[in-house]
């Protein structure tokens, strides 16, 4: 990111920043060009082992593809609009640019239950067994993660397995995590406590290719089966941060991510 971009207009309006704090997410349209999405999708199709023009080859409800650091993926993750939004939500210089786009759960139209549609919060630092994702942990300082991000590389309508989001659930999760201190909760322990968010309204992460949802790291979300016609291509990488959020500092100018956590803990506001 060049110094020339430092002076650019903010990517998000005040209303969008407020929505991020209250709802736990904000949708950024045209966060990266459709042409990049098309280029990336061609690479992903090749690795699925499926033929885009032959639905008979789409035999699995979900195909998981690994880390993608090719140039078009790096470009999609590092547009000026996204960098400006990261600065607004996380704080200047407090996040690390993405060198890749993590894993892609590619969802295909299928009557078969994909088996991975439970409500959850993404864990962000390793537990006792770093190789076992279910033992990874999340704590009230959101150690290791500044944002959860959903990058749409195909057009996603309501039937195309859009990620389900419980609006405002990040505030509940902050309260769940506070008594657990630095150790926090494991992925599975947290999943077992999320009934407290069950009354929250649900939003669907729909949009055109090039849309990115910037989500609070505590946001409760879930996959769903694909009932549409065309496979859904989405990446869900974390934005890493340079240091944990200093949640207990009373002074300073807290970022929107911190303000949301403080609001969940009722430390924000006029008393």
C-alpha atoms as a PDB file:
ATOM      1  CA  UNK A   1       0.000   0.000   0.000  1.00  0.00           C
ATOM      2  CA  UNK A   2       1.594   3.271  -1.072  1.00  0.00           C
ATOM      3  CA  UNK A   3       1.561   6.447   0.944  1.00  0.00           C
ATOM      4  CA  UNK A   4      -0.720   7.961  -1.664  1.00  0.00           C
ATOM      5  CA  UNK A   5      -3.521   5.706  -0.436  1.00  0.00           C
ATOM      6  CA  UNK A   6      -3.234   7.011   3.127  1.00  0.00           C
ATOM      7  CA  UNK A   7      -5.129  10.156   2.153  1.00  0.00           C
ATOM      8  CA  UNK A   8      -7.941   8.392   0.325  1.00  0.00           C
ATOM      9  CA  UNK A   9     -11.528   8.755   1.468  1.00  0.00           C
ATOM     10  CA  UNK A  10     -12.649   6.168   4.021  1.00  0.00           C
ATOM     11  CA  UNK A  11     -14.007   2.979   2.471  1.00  0.00           C
ATOM     12  CA  UNK A  12     -16.881   2.774   4.960  1.00  0.00           C
ATOM     13  CA  UNK A  13     -19.382   5.438   5.937  1.00  0.00           C
ATOM     14  CA  UNK A  14     -20.036   6.271   9.582  1.00  0.00           C
ATOM     15  CA  UNK A  15     -23.329   4.400   9.260  1.00  0.00           C
ATOM     16  CA  UNK A  16     -21.507   1.295   8.024  1.00  0.00           C
ATOM     17  CA  UNK A  17     -19.019   1.443  10.900  1.00  0.00           C
ATOM     18  CA  UNK A  18     -21.937   1.778  13.319  1.00  0.00           C
ATOM     19  CA  UNK A  19     -23.615  -1.210  11.654  1.00  0.00           C
ATOM     20  CA  UNK A  20     -20.419  -3.247  12.080  1.00  0.00           C
ATOM     21  CA  UNK A  21     -20.387  -2.489  15.817  1.00  0.00           C
ATOM     22  CA  UNK A  22     -24.110  -3.225  16.314  1.00  0.00           C
ATOM     23  CA  UNK A  23     -24.670  -6.109  13.881  1.00  0.00           C
ATOM     24  CA  UNK A  24     -21.187  -7.617  13.766  1.00  0.00           C
ATOM     25  CA  UNK A  25     -20.613  -7.320  10.029  1.00  0.00           C
ATOM     26  CA  UNK A  26     -20.589  -4.967   7.073  1.00  0.00           C
ATOM     27  CA  UNK A  27     -20.955  -5.835   3.393  1.00  0.00           C
ATOM     28  CA  UNK A  28     -18.491  -4.205   0.979  1.00  0.00           C
ATOM     29  CA  UNK A  29     -19.727  -4.331  -2.624  1.00  0.00           C
ATOM     30  CA  UNK A  30     -17.151  -4.372  -5.423  1.00  0.00           C
ATOM     31  CA  UNK A  31     -14.372  -4.865  -2.896  1.00  0.00           C
ATOM     32  CA  UNK A  32     -12.357  -6.472  -5.698  1.00  0.00           C
ATOM     33  CA  UNK A  33     -12.960  -6.595  -9.471  1.00  0.00           C
ATOM     34  CA  UNK A  34     -15.194  -9.251 -11.037  1.00  0.00           C
ATOM     35  CA  UNK A  35     -12.368  -9.938 -13.515  1.00  0.00           C
ATOM     36  CA  UNK A  36     -10.157 -11.070 -10.621  1.00  0.00           C
ATOM     37  CA  UNK A  37     -12.970 -13.262  -9.306  1.00  0.00           C
ATOM     38  CA  UNK A  38     -13.273 -14.898 -12.734  1.00  0.00           C
ATOM     39  CA  UNK A  39      -9.515 -15.471 -12.913  1.00  0.00           C
ATOM     40  CA  UNK A  40      -9.420 -17.007  -9.443  1.00  0.00           C
ATOM     41  CA  UNK A  41     -12.489 -19.149 -10.072  1.00  0.00           C
ATOM     42  CA  UNK A  42     -10.860 -20.692 -13.152  1.00  0.00           C
ATOM     43  CA  UNK A  43      -7.932 -21.824 -10.974  1.00  0.00           C
ATOM     44  CA  UNK A  44     -10.306 -23.185  -8.330  1.00  0.00           C
ATOM     45  CA  UNK A  45     -12.409 -25.094 -10.867  1.00  0.00           C
ATOM     46  CA  UNK A  46      -9.272 -26.823 -12.123  1.00  0.00           C
ATOM     47  CA  UNK A  47      -8.413 -27.978  -8.597  1.00  0.00           C
ATOM     48  CA  UNK A  48     -11.906 -29.280  -7.791  1.00  0.00           C
ATOM     49  CA  UNK A  49     -11.444 -32.040 -10.370  1.00  0.00           C
ATOM     50  CA  UNK A  50     -14.928 -31.172 -11.632  1.00  0.00           C
ATOM     51  CA  UNK A  51     -16.033 -29.833 -15.002  1.00  0.00           C
ATOM     52  CA  UNK A  52     -17.906 -26.511 -14.836  1.00  0.00           C
ATOM     53  CA  UNK A  53     -19.991 -27.508 -17.861  1.00  0.00           C
ATOM     54  CA  UNK A  54     -20.858 -31.024 -16.693  1.00  0.00           C
ATOM     55  CA  UNK A  55     -22.992 -31.096 -13.528  1.00  0.00           C
ATOM     56  CA  UNK A  56     -22.698 -34.898 -13.573  1.00  0.00           C
ATOM     57  CA  UNK A  57     -19.110 -34.386 -12.348  1.00  0.00           C
ATOM     58  CA  UNK A  58     -20.319 -32.442  -9.294  1.00  0.00           C
ATOM     59  CA  UNK A  59     -20.550 -35.465  -7.024  1.00  0.00           C
ATOM     60  CA  UNK A  60     -19.797 -33.974  -3.582  1.00  0.00           C
ATOM     61  CA  UNK A  61     -21.824 -31.364  -1.656  1.00  0.00           C
ATOM     62  CA  UNK A  62     -18.592 -29.587  -0.682  1.00  0.00           C
ATOM     63  CA  UNK A  63     -15.012 -29.719  -1.964  1.00  0.00           C
ATOM     64  CA  UNK A  64     -12.380 -28.140   0.275  1.00  0.00           C
ATOM     65  CA  UNK A  65      -9.423 -26.507  -1.410  1.00  0.00           C
ATOM     66  CA  UNK A  66      -6.267 -25.351   0.352  1.00  0.00           C
ATOM     67  CA  UNK A  67      -4.270 -22.171   0.714  1.00  0.00           C
ATOM     68  CA  UNK A  68      -4.176 -19.956  -2.405  1.00  0.00           C
ATOM     69  CA  UNK A  69      -1.342 -17.459  -2.713  1.00  0.00           C
ATOM     70  CA  UNK A  70      -1.386 -16.973  -6.487  1.00  0.00           C
ATOM     71  CA  UNK A  71      -1.156 -13.390  -7.718  1.00  0.00           C
ATOM     72  CA  UNK A  72      -4.888 -12.890  -8.503  1.00  0.00           C
ATOM     73  CA  UNK A  73      -5.825 -14.055  -4.996  1.00  0.00           C
ATOM     74  CA  UNK A  74      -3.275 -11.709  -3.407  1.00  0.00           C
ATOM     75  CA  UNK A  75      -4.630  -8.843  -5.487  1.00  0.00           C
ATOM     76  CA  UNK A  76      -8.221  -9.610  -4.466  1.00  0.00           C
ATOM     77  CA  UNK A  77      -7.252  -9.591  -0.781  1.00  0.00           C
ATOM     78  CA  UNK A  78      -5.307  -6.331  -0.929  1.00  0.00           C
ATOM     79  CA  UNK A  79      -7.358  -3.787  -2.849  1.00  0.00           C
ATOM     80  CA  UNK A  80      -7.192  -0.147  -1.689  1.00  0.00           C
ATOM     81  CA  UNK A  81     -10.849  -0.333  -0.628  1.00  0.00           C
ATOM     82  CA  UNK A  82     -10.200  -3.332   1.630  1.00  0.00           C
ATOM     83  CA  UNK A  83      -7.024  -1.846   3.112  1.00  0.00           C
ATOM     84  CA  UNK A  84      -8.899   1.360   3.893  1.00  0.00           C
ATOM     85  CA  UNK A  85     -11.711  -0.644   5.535  1.00  0.00           C
ATOM     86  CA  UNK A  86      -9.200  -2.632   7.623  1.00  0.00           C
ATOM     87  CA  UNK A  87      -7.701   0.643   8.833  1.00  0.00           C
ATOM     88  CA  UNK A  88     -11.164   1.880   9.845  1.00  0.00           C
ATOM     89  CA  UNK A  89     -12.326  -1.276  11.626  1.00  0.00           C
ATOM     90  CA  UNK A  90      -9.091  -2.573  13.181  1.00  0.00           C
ATOM     91  CA  UNK A  91      -6.896   0.506  13.475  1.00  0.00           C
ATOM     92  CA  UNK A  92      -4.008   1.978  11.515  1.00  0.00           C
ATOM     93  CA  UNK A  93      -1.036  -0.350  11.365  1.00  0.00           C
ATOM     94  CA  UNK A  94      -2.608  -2.933  13.665  1.00  0.00           C
ATOM     95  CA  UNK A  95      -3.318  -5.611  11.049  1.00  0.00           C
ATOM     96  CA  UNK A  96      -1.216  -7.698   8.675  1.00  0.00           C
ATOM     97  CA  UNK A  97      -1.884  -7.792   4.910  1.00  0.00           C
ATOM     98  CA  UNK A  98      -3.033 -11.183   3.562  1.00  0.00           C
ATOM     99  CA  UNK A  99      -0.476 -13.030   1.423  1.00  0.00           C
ATOM    100  CA  UNK A 100      -3.071 -15.653   0.485  1.00  0.00           C
ATOM    101  CA  UNK A 101      -6.782 -16.361   0.838  1.00  0.00           C
ATOM    102  CA  UNK A 102      -6.867 -19.410   3.088  1.00  0.00           C
ATOM    103  CA  UNK A 103      -9.183 -22.308   2.356  1.00  0.00           C
ATOM    104  CA  UNK A 104     -12.172 -22.451   0.013  1.00  0.00           C
ATOM    105  CA  UNK A 105     -15.171 -24.624   0.882  1.00  0.00           C
ATOM    106  CA  UNK A 106     -16.642 -24.895  -2.629  1.00  0.00           C
ATOM    107  CA  UNK A 107     -20.333 -25.812  -2.286  1.00  0.00           C
ATOM    108  CA  UNK A 108     -22.147 -27.691  -5.021  1.00  0.00           C
ATOM    109  CA  UNK A 109     -25.883 -28.149  -5.557  1.00  0.00           C
ATOM    110  CA  UNK A 110     -26.636 -31.456  -3.832  1.00  0.00           C
ATOM    111  CA  UNK A 111     -29.395 -33.320  -1.970  1.00  0.00           C
ATOM    112  CA  UNK A 112     -26.678 -34.760   0.304  1.00  0.00           C
ATOM    113  CA  UNK A 113     -26.247 -33.125   3.719  1.00  0.00           C
ATOM    114  CA  UNK A 114     -22.762 -31.545   3.706  1.00  0.00           C
ATOM    115  CA  UNK A 115     -22.460 -32.361   7.425  1.00  0.00           C
ATOM    116  CA  UNK A 116     -20.809 -29.074   8.382  1.00  0.00           C
ATOM    117  CA  UNK A 117     -23.722 -26.698   8.883  1.00  0.00           C
ATOM    118  CA  UNK A 118     -23.570 -26.122  12.651  1.00  0.00           C
ATOM    119  CA  UNK A 119     -23.513 -22.654  14.196  1.00  0.00           C
ATOM    120  CA  UNK A 120     -20.030 -21.694  15.358  1.00  0.00           C
ATOM    121  CA  UNK A 121     -17.453 -18.996  16.038  1.00  0.00           C
ATOM    122  CA  UNK A 122     -14.124 -19.394  14.261  1.00  0.00           C
ATOM    123  CA  UNK A 123     -11.294 -20.199  16.683  1.00  0.00           C
ATOM    124  CA  UNK A 124      -8.135 -18.155  16.315  1.00  0.00           C
ATOM    125  CA  UNK A 125      -5.232 -19.636  18.285  1.00  0.00           C
ATOM    126  CA  UNK A 126      -4.027 -23.203  18.855  1.00  0.00           C
ATOM    127  CA  UNK A 127      -4.999 -25.257  21.899  1.00  0.00           C
ATOM    128  CA  UNK A 128      -3.212 -28.313  23.256  1.00  0.00           C
ATOM    129  CA  UNK A 129      -3.061 -29.939  19.826  1.00  0.00           C
ATOM    130  CA  UNK A 130      -2.319 -27.413  17.093  1.00  0.00           C
ATOM    131  CA  UNK A 131      -3.176 -30.043  14.488  1.00  0.00           C
ATOM    132  CA  UNK A 132      -6.724 -30.486  15.795  1.00  0.00           C
ATOM    133  CA  UNK A 133      -8.913 -27.578  14.721  1.00  0.00           C
ATOM    134  CA  UNK A 134     -11.640 -28.498  17.219  1.00  0.00           C
ATOM    135  CA  UNK A 135      -9.197 -27.797  20.078  1.00  0.00           C
ATOM    136  CA  UNK A 136      -8.273 -24.345  18.749  1.00  0.00           C
ATOM    137  CA  UNK A 137      -9.441 -21.523  20.981  1.00  0.00           C
ATOM    138  CA  UNK A 138     -10.899 -18.011  21.046  1.00  0.00           C
ATOM    139  CA  UNK A 139     -10.609 -15.525  23.897  1.00  0.00           C
ATOM    140  CA  UNK A 140     -12.125 -12.183  24.849  1.00  0.00           C
ATOM    141  CA  UNK A 141      -9.087 -10.301  23.476  1.00  0.00           C
ATOM    142  CA  UNK A 142      -9.590 -12.099  20.133  1.00  0.00           C
ATOM    143  CA  UNK A 143      -5.999 -13.314  20.246  1.00  0.00           C
ATOM    144  CA  UNK A 144      -4.730 -13.976  16.730  1.00  0.00           C
ATOM    145  CA  UNK A 145      -7.674 -12.596  14.743  1.00  0.00           C
ATOM    146  CA  UNK A 146      -8.798  -9.078  13.890  1.00  0.00           C
ATOM    147  CA  UNK A 147     -11.661  -9.944  11.508  1.00  0.00           C
ATOM    148  CA  UNK A 148     -13.498 -12.861   9.947  1.00  0.00           C
ATOM    149  CA  UNK A 149     -13.860 -12.194   6.212  1.00  0.00           C
ATOM    150  CA  UNK A 150     -16.111 -13.753   3.586  1.00  0.00           C
ATOM    151  CA  UNK A 151     -14.846 -13.233   0.023  1.00  0.00           C
ATOM    152  CA  UNK A 152     -17.394 -14.092  -2.679  1.00  0.00           C
ATOM    153  CA  UNK A 153     -15.754 -15.386  -5.871  1.00  0.00           C
ATOM    154  CA  UNK A 154     -19.058 -16.303  -7.526  1.00  0.00           C
ATOM    155  CA  UNK A 155     -22.456 -14.631  -7.563  1.00  0.00           C
ATOM    156  CA  UNK A 156     -24.280 -15.892  -4.462  1.00  0.00           C
ATOM    157  CA  UNK A 157     -28.063 -15.756  -4.237  1.00  0.00           C
ATOM    158  CA  UNK A 158     -30.297 -16.988  -1.434  1.00  0.00           C
ATOM    159  CA  UNK A 159     -30.354 -20.570  -2.778  1.00  0.00           C
ATOM    160  CA  UNK A 160     -26.603 -20.750  -3.439  1.00  0.00           C
ATOM    161  CA  UNK A 161     -25.565 -21.799   0.087  1.00  0.00           C
ATOM    162  CA  UNK A 162     -24.866 -18.287   1.404  1.00  0.00           C
ATOM    163  CA  UNK A 163     -23.276 -18.258   4.843  1.00  0.00           C
ATOM    164  CA  UNK A 164     -25.887 -17.687   7.566  1.00  0.00           C
ATOM    165  CA  UNK A 165     -25.102 -14.941  10.090  1.00  0.00           C
ATOM    166  CA  UNK A 166     -26.747 -14.331  13.466  1.00  0.00           C
ATOM    167  CA  UNK A 167     -27.044 -10.548  13.574  1.00  0.00           C
ATOM    168  CA  UNK A 168     -25.550  -9.057  16.734  1.00  0.00           C
ATOM    169  CA  UNK A 169     -24.382 -12.430  18.071  1.00  0.00           C
ATOM    170  CA  UNK A 170     -20.823 -11.117  18.552  1.00  0.00           C
ATOM    171  CA  UNK A 171     -22.102  -9.127  21.546  1.00  0.00           C
ATOM    172  CA  UNK A 172     -23.357 -12.326  23.199  1.00  0.00           C
ATOM    173  CA  UNK A 173     -20.063 -14.085  22.495  1.00  0.00           C
ATOM    174  CA  UNK A 174     -18.052 -11.299  24.162  1.00  0.00           C
ATOM    175  CA  UNK A 175     -20.070 -11.908  27.333  1.00  0.00           C
ATOM    176  CA  UNK A 176     -19.530 -15.671  27.079  1.00  0.00           C
ATOM    177  CA  UNK A 177     -15.776 -15.207  26.742  1.00  0.00           C
ATOM    178  CA  UNK A 178     -15.102 -12.636  29.449  1.00  0.00           C
ATOM    179  CA  UNK A 179     -15.194 -15.047  32.442  1.00  0.00           C
ATOM    180  CA  UNK A 180     -12.823 -17.437  30.601  1.00  0.00           C
ATOM    181  CA  UNK A 181      -9.860 -15.029  30.678  1.00  0.00           C
ATOM    182  CA  UNK A 182      -6.812 -15.403  28.445  1.00  0.00           C
ATOM    183  CA  UNK A 183      -7.350 -19.144  27.924  1.00  0.00           C
ATOM    184  CA  UNK A 184     -10.800 -18.566  26.430  1.00  0.00           C
ATOM    185  CA  UNK A 185     -12.847 -21.467  25.082  1.00  0.00           C
ATOM    186  CA  UNK A 186     -12.104 -24.186  22.559  1.00  0.00           C
ATOM    187  CA  UNK A 187     -14.018 -24.310  19.287  1.00  0.00           C
ATOM    188  CA  UNK A 188     -16.182 -27.149  20.614  1.00  0.00           C
ATOM    189  CA  UNK A 189     -16.739 -25.581  24.052  1.00  0.00           C
ATOM    190  CA  UNK A 190     -17.899 -22.385  22.399  1.00  0.00           C
ATOM    191  CA  UNK A 191     -20.176 -24.250  19.971  1.00  0.00           C
ATOM    192  CA  UNK A 192     -21.857 -25.838  22.996  1.00  0.00           C
ATOM    193  CA  UNK A 193     -22.755 -22.436  24.455  1.00  0.00           C
ATOM    194  CA  UNK A 194     -24.227 -20.723  21.394  1.00  0.00           C
ATOM    195  CA  UNK A 195     -27.864 -21.442  22.250  1.00  0.00           C
ATOM    196  CA  UNK A 196     -27.832 -17.984  23.869  1.00  0.00           C
ATOM    197  CA  UNK A 197     -27.680 -16.530  20.338  1.00  0.00           C
ATOM    198  CA  UNK A 198     -30.564 -18.635  18.955  1.00  0.00           C
ATOM    199  CA  UNK A 199     -33.120 -15.793  19.111  1.00  0.00           C
ATOM    200  CA  UNK A 200     -30.990 -13.504  16.954  1.00  0.00           C
ATOM    201  CA  UNK A 201     -32.240 -12.635  13.470  1.00  0.00           C
ATOM    202  CA  UNK A 202     -30.411 -14.266  10.575  1.00  0.00           C
ATOM    203  CA  UNK A 203     -28.779 -12.518   7.611  1.00  0.00           C
ATOM    204  CA  UNK A 204     -27.497 -14.287   4.484  1.00  0.00           C
ATOM    205  CA  UNK A 205     -24.110 -13.459   2.964  1.00  0.00           C
ATOM    206  CA  UNK A 206     -25.372 -12.979  -0.595  1.00  0.00           C
ATOM    207  CA  UNK A 207     -23.885 -10.758  -3.274  1.00  0.00           C
ATOM    208  CA  UNK A 208     -22.140 -10.556  -6.612  1.00  0.00           C
ATOM    209  CA  UNK A 209     -18.655 -11.910  -7.183  1.00  0.00           C
ATOM    210  CA  UNK A 210     -16.272  -9.318  -5.735  1.00  0.00           C
ATOM    211  CA  UNK A 211     -18.359  -8.750  -2.586  1.00  0.00           C
ATOM    212  CA  UNK A 212     -16.608  -9.077   0.778  1.00  0.00           C
ATOM    213  CA  UNK A 213     -18.278  -9.333   4.173  1.00  0.00           C
ATOM    214  CA  UNK A 214     -16.068  -7.946   6.939  1.00  0.00           C
ATOM    215  CA  UNK A 215     -17.210  -9.617  10.145  1.00  0.00           C
ATOM    216  CA  UNK A 216     -16.398  -9.246  13.823  1.00  0.00           C
ATOM    217  CA  UNK A 217     -14.213 -12.177  14.919  1.00  0.00           C
ATOM    218  CA  UNK A 218     -16.894 -13.225  17.461  1.00  0.00           C
ATOM    219  CA  UNK A 219     -19.736 -13.378  14.916  1.00  0.00           C
ATOM    220  CA  UNK A 220     -21.775 -16.612  15.069  1.00  0.00           C
ATOM    221  CA  UNK A 221     -22.286 -18.065  11.596  1.00  0.00           C
ATOM    222  CA  UNK A 222     -23.052 -21.319   9.794  1.00  0.00           C
ATOM    223  CA  UNK A 223     -22.889 -22.971   6.404  1.00  0.00           C
ATOM    224  CA  UNK A 224     -25.977 -24.399   4.714  1.00  0.00           C
ATOM    225  CA  UNK A 225     -26.767 -26.853   1.900  1.00  0.00           C
ATOM    226  CA  UNK A 226     -26.755 -25.615  -1.701  1.00  0.00           C
ATOM    227  CA  UNK A 227     -30.210 -25.580  -3.360  1.00  0.00           C
ATOM    228  CA  UNK A 228     -29.284 -23.455  -6.376  1.00  0.00           C
ATOM    229  CA  UNK A 229     -27.867 -24.192  -9.813  1.00  0.00           C
ATOM    230  CA  UNK A 230     -24.238 -23.016  -9.867  1.00  0.00           C
ATOM    231  CA  UNK A 231     -21.514 -23.899  -7.351  1.00  0.00           C
ATOM    232  CA  UNK A 232     -20.603 -21.285  -4.760  1.00  0.00           C
ATOM    233  CA  UNK A 233     -16.978 -20.192  -4.497  1.00  0.00           C
ATOM    234  CA  UNK A 234     -16.065 -18.353  -1.282  1.00  0.00           C
ATOM    235  CA  UNK A 235     -12.964 -17.857   0.830  1.00  0.00           C
ATOM    236  CA  UNK A 236     -13.206 -17.215   4.567  1.00  0.00           C
ATOM    237  CA  UNK A 237      -9.770 -16.024   5.709  1.00  0.00           C
ATOM    238  CA  UNK A 238      -9.019 -14.298   8.986  1.00  0.00           C
ATOM    239  CA  UNK A 239      -7.404 -10.891   9.046  1.00  0.00           C
ATOM    240  CA  UNK A 240      -4.452 -11.301  11.391  1.00  0.00           C
ATOM    241  CA  UNK A 241      -3.377  -8.566  13.761  1.00  0.00           C
ATOM    242  CA  UNK A 242      -0.013  -7.440  14.973  1.00  0.00           C
ATOM    243  CA  UNK A 243      -0.967  -7.516  18.663  1.00  0.00           C
ATOM    244  CA  UNK A 244      -3.935  -8.455  20.870  1.00  0.00           C
ATOM    245  CA  UNK A 245      -6.589  -5.827  21.459  1.00  0.00           C
ATOM    246  CA  UNK A 246      -5.875  -3.956  24.721  1.00  0.00           C
ATOM    247  CA  UNK A 247      -9.463  -4.276  25.880  1.00  0.00           C
ATOM    248  CA  UNK A 248      -8.915  -3.137  29.416  1.00  0.00           C
ATOM    249  CA  UNK A 249      -7.246   0.148  28.583  1.00  0.00           C
ATOM    250  CA  UNK A 250      -9.665   2.924  29.468  1.00  0.00           C
ATOM    251  CA  UNK A 251      -7.756   5.618  27.593  1.00  0.00           C
ATOM    252  CA  UNK A 252      -7.072   5.797  23.911  1.00  0.00           C
ATOM    253  CA  UNK A 253      -9.314   5.603  20.897  1.00  0.00           C
ATOM    254  CA  UNK A 254     -10.699   2.055  20.608  1.00  0.00           C
ATOM    255  CA  UNK A 255     -11.234   0.634  17.137  1.00  0.00           C
ATOM    256  CA  UNK A 256     -14.716  -0.476  16.064  1.00  0.00           C
ATOM    257  CA  UNK A 257     -13.707  -4.116  16.720  1.00  0.00           C
ATOM    258  CA  UNK A 258     -12.762  -3.172  20.289  1.00  0.00           C
ATOM    259  CA  UNK A 259     -15.801  -0.952  20.733  1.00  0.00           C
ATOM    260  CA  UNK A 260     -18.069  -3.849  19.791  1.00  0.00           C
ATOM    261  CA  UNK A 261     -16.411  -6.097  22.389  1.00  0.00           C
ATOM    262  CA  UNK A 262     -16.664  -3.358  25.017  1.00  0.00           C
ATOM    263  CA  UNK A 263     -20.305  -2.840  24.094  1.00  0.00           C
ATOM    264  CA  UNK A 264     -20.947  -6.568  24.553  1.00  0.00           C
ATOM    265  CA  UNK A 265     -19.297  -6.256  27.980  1.00  0.00           C
ATOM    266  CA  UNK A 266     -21.234  -3.015  28.608  1.00  0.00           C
ATOM    267  CA  UNK A 267     -18.092  -0.932  28.944  1.00  0.00           C
ATOM    268  CA  UNK A 268     -19.024   1.394  26.122  1.00  0.00           C
ATOM    269  CA  UNK A 269     -21.408   4.297  26.340  1.00  0.00           C
ATOM    270  CA  UNK A 270     -22.401   7.012  28.713  1.00  0.00           C
ATOM    271  CA  UNK A 271     -22.805   5.017  31.914  1.00  0.00           C
END
